[in-house]
Amino acid sequence: MLGFLTLILVCQLAGELTVGALGLPVPGPVLGMLALFALLMIRGEVPEALEQTAGGLLRAMSLLFVPAGTGVMLHFRLLGEALVPLGVALVVSTLATIAVTGLLMRWLGRREPRDG
């Protein structure tokens, strides 16, 4: 388990270093998880221990939102000043997500079942 936790953190570090070195407009952890995804695609499967490690991290996800919630409360005045743009962005992004999900489900539903 420790080895796979290290792998996840090394991928995140590699993503952070790549973003910092190249000045990419993508968060480092996202790039790191794409690297991990690529490694898993090359391998062809997700090892059971990695699945258990990731599951453990997901179960503790609520703890990771505490710093974000503190930051929101710290900058509450700034959020109040930008309430309209943030509200519009939230509504538009939610509607876009629902539309894309619906279209994708319709497109995937049309595919013929595989012979198996």
Protein backbone atom coordinates (compact mmCIF):
# COMPACT_ATOMS: atom_id res chain seq x y z
CA MET A 1 0.00 0.00 0.00
CA LEU A 2 2.84 2.38 0.85
CA GLY A 3 4.43 1.77 -2.54
CA PHE A 4 1.26 2.69 -4.41
CA LEU A 5 0.67 5.76 -2.25
CA THR A 6 4.22 6.77 -3.15
CA LEU A 7 3.44 6.17 -6.83
CA ILE A 8 0.38 8.45 -6.63
CA LEU A 9 2.39 11.18 -4.91
CA VAL A 10 5.31 10.83 -7.34
CA CYS A 11 2.90 11.24 -10.26
CA GLN A 12 1.50 14.35 -8.60
CA LEU A 13 5.01 15.71 -8.02
CA ALA A 14 5.95 15.00 -11.64
CA GLY A 15 2.86 16.87 -12.77
CA GLU A 16 3.69 19.85 -10.53
CA LEU A 17 7.27 19.93 -11.78
CA THR A 18 6.18 19.69 -15.42
CA VAL A 19 3.64 22.48 -15.03
CA GLY A 20 6.17 24.64 -13.21
CA ALA A 21 8.91 24.03 -15.78
CA LEU A 22 6.75 24.49 -18.87
CA GLY A 23 4.32 27.08 -17.49
CA LEU A 24 1.29 25.05 -18.57
CA PRO A 25 -2.18 26.37 -17.66
CA VAL A 26 -3.16 23.02 -16.13
CA PRO A 27 -3.04 22.11 -12.43
CA GLY A 28 -0.06 19.89 -11.63
CA PRO A 29 -2.09 17.17 -9.91
CA VAL A 30 -4.31 16.85 -12.99
CA LEU A 31 -1.27 16.35 -15.20
CA GLY A 32 0.13 13.87 -12.69
CA MET A 33 -3.08 11.85 -12.67
CA LEU A 34 -3.03 11.83 -16.47
CA ALA A 35 0.48 10.39 -16.25
CA LEU A 36 -0.75 7.73 -13.80
CA PHE A 37 -3.66 6.99 -16.14
CA ALA A 38 -1.23 6.57 -19.04
CA LEU A 39 0.91 4.19 -16.98
CA LEU A 40 -2.14 2.13 -16.09
CA MET A 41 -3.28 2.06 -19.73
CA ILE A 42 0.14 0.76 -20.76
CA ARG A 43 -0.01 -1.85 -18.00
CA GLY A 44 -3.53 -2.83 -19.04
CA GLU A 45 -4.98 -3.19 -15.54
CA VAL A 46 -5.23 -1.52 -12.15
CA PRO A 47 -3.38 -3.48 -9.47
CA GLU A 48 -5.60 -4.50 -6.55
CA ALA A 49 -3.34 -2.76 -4.02
CA LEU A 50 -3.52 0.50 -6.00
CA GLU A 51 -7.30 0.21 -6.09
CA GLN A 52 -7.38 -0.26 -2.31
CA THR A 53 -5.01 2.67 -1.75
CA ALA A 54 -7.05 4.98 -3.98
CA GLY A 55 -10.24 3.81 -2.27
CA GLY A 56 -8.74 4.71 1.11
CA LEU A 57 -7.89 8.18 -0.16
CA LEU A 58 -11.40 8.62 -1.52
CA ARG A 59 -12.93 7.61 1.81
CA ALA A 60 -10.89 10.35 3.50
CA MET A 61 -11.77 12.94 0.82
CA SER A 62 -14.03 14.92 3.15
CA LEU A 63 -11.00 15.81 5.28
CA LEU A 64 -9.37 17.40 2.25
CA PHE A 65 -12.23 19.91 1.95
CA VAL A 66 -11.60 21.44 5.39
CA PRO A 67 -8.78 23.75 4.16
CA ALA A 68 -10.90 24.80 1.16
CA GLY A 69 -13.84 25.62 3.43
CA THR A 70 -11.56 27.65 5.67
CA GLY A 71 -10.31 29.57 2.64
CA VAL A 72 -13.87 30.30 1.57
CA MET A 73 -14.69 31.74 4.99
CA LEU A 74 -11.44 33.72 5.01
CA HIS A 75 -12.29 35.37 1.69
CA PHE A 76 -16.04 35.65 2.25
CA ARG A 77 -16.06 39.39 1.45
CA LEU A 78 -14.39 38.80 -1.93
CA LEU A 79 -16.94 36.13 -2.74
CA GLY A 80 -19.73 38.55 -1.88
CA GLU A 81 -18.28 41.16 -4.24
CA ALA A 82 -18.16 38.64 -7.09
CA LEU A 83 -21.47 36.99 -6.31
CA VAL A 84 -23.13 37.64 -9.69
CA PRO A 85 -20.26 36.41 -11.91
CA LEU A 86 -19.73 33.38 -9.68
CA GLY A 87 -23.45 32.59 -9.68
CA VAL A 88 -23.68 32.88 -13.46
CA ALA A 89 -20.59 30.71 -13.90
CA LEU A 90 -22.02 28.11 -11.53
CA VAL A 91 -25.39 27.95 -13.30
CA VAL A 92 -23.88 27.92 -16.81
CA SER A 93 -21.32 25.24 -15.95
CA THR A 94 -23.98 23.08 -14.29
CA LEU A 95 -26.29 23.34 -17.31
CA ALA A 96 -23.39 22.61 -19.66
CA THR A 97 -22.45 19.54 -17.63
CA ILE A 98 -26.02 18.25 -17.69
CA ALA A 99 -26.28 18.85 -21.45
CA VAL A 100 -22.97 17.16 -22.25
CA THR A 101 -23.82 14.21 -20.01
CA GLY A 102 -27.22 13.80 -21.68
CA LEU A 103 -25.76 13.98 -25.18
CA LEU A 104 -23.00 11.55 -24.28
CA MET A 105 -25.48 9.08 -22.78
CA ARG A 106 -27.66 9.33 -25.90
CA TRP A 107 -24.61 8.75 -28.13
CA LEU A 108 -23.38 5.80 -26.05
CA GLY A 109 -26.88 4.32 -25.92
CA ARG A 110 -27.02 4.08 -29.73
CA ARG A 111 -23.99 1.83 -29.92
CA GLU A 112 -24.63 -1.77 -30.81
CA PRO A 113 -24.02 -4.30 -28.02
CA ARG A 114 -20.79 -6.20 -28.27
CA ASP A 115 -20.77 -9.88 -29.08
CA GLY A 116 -19.50 -11.61 -26.09
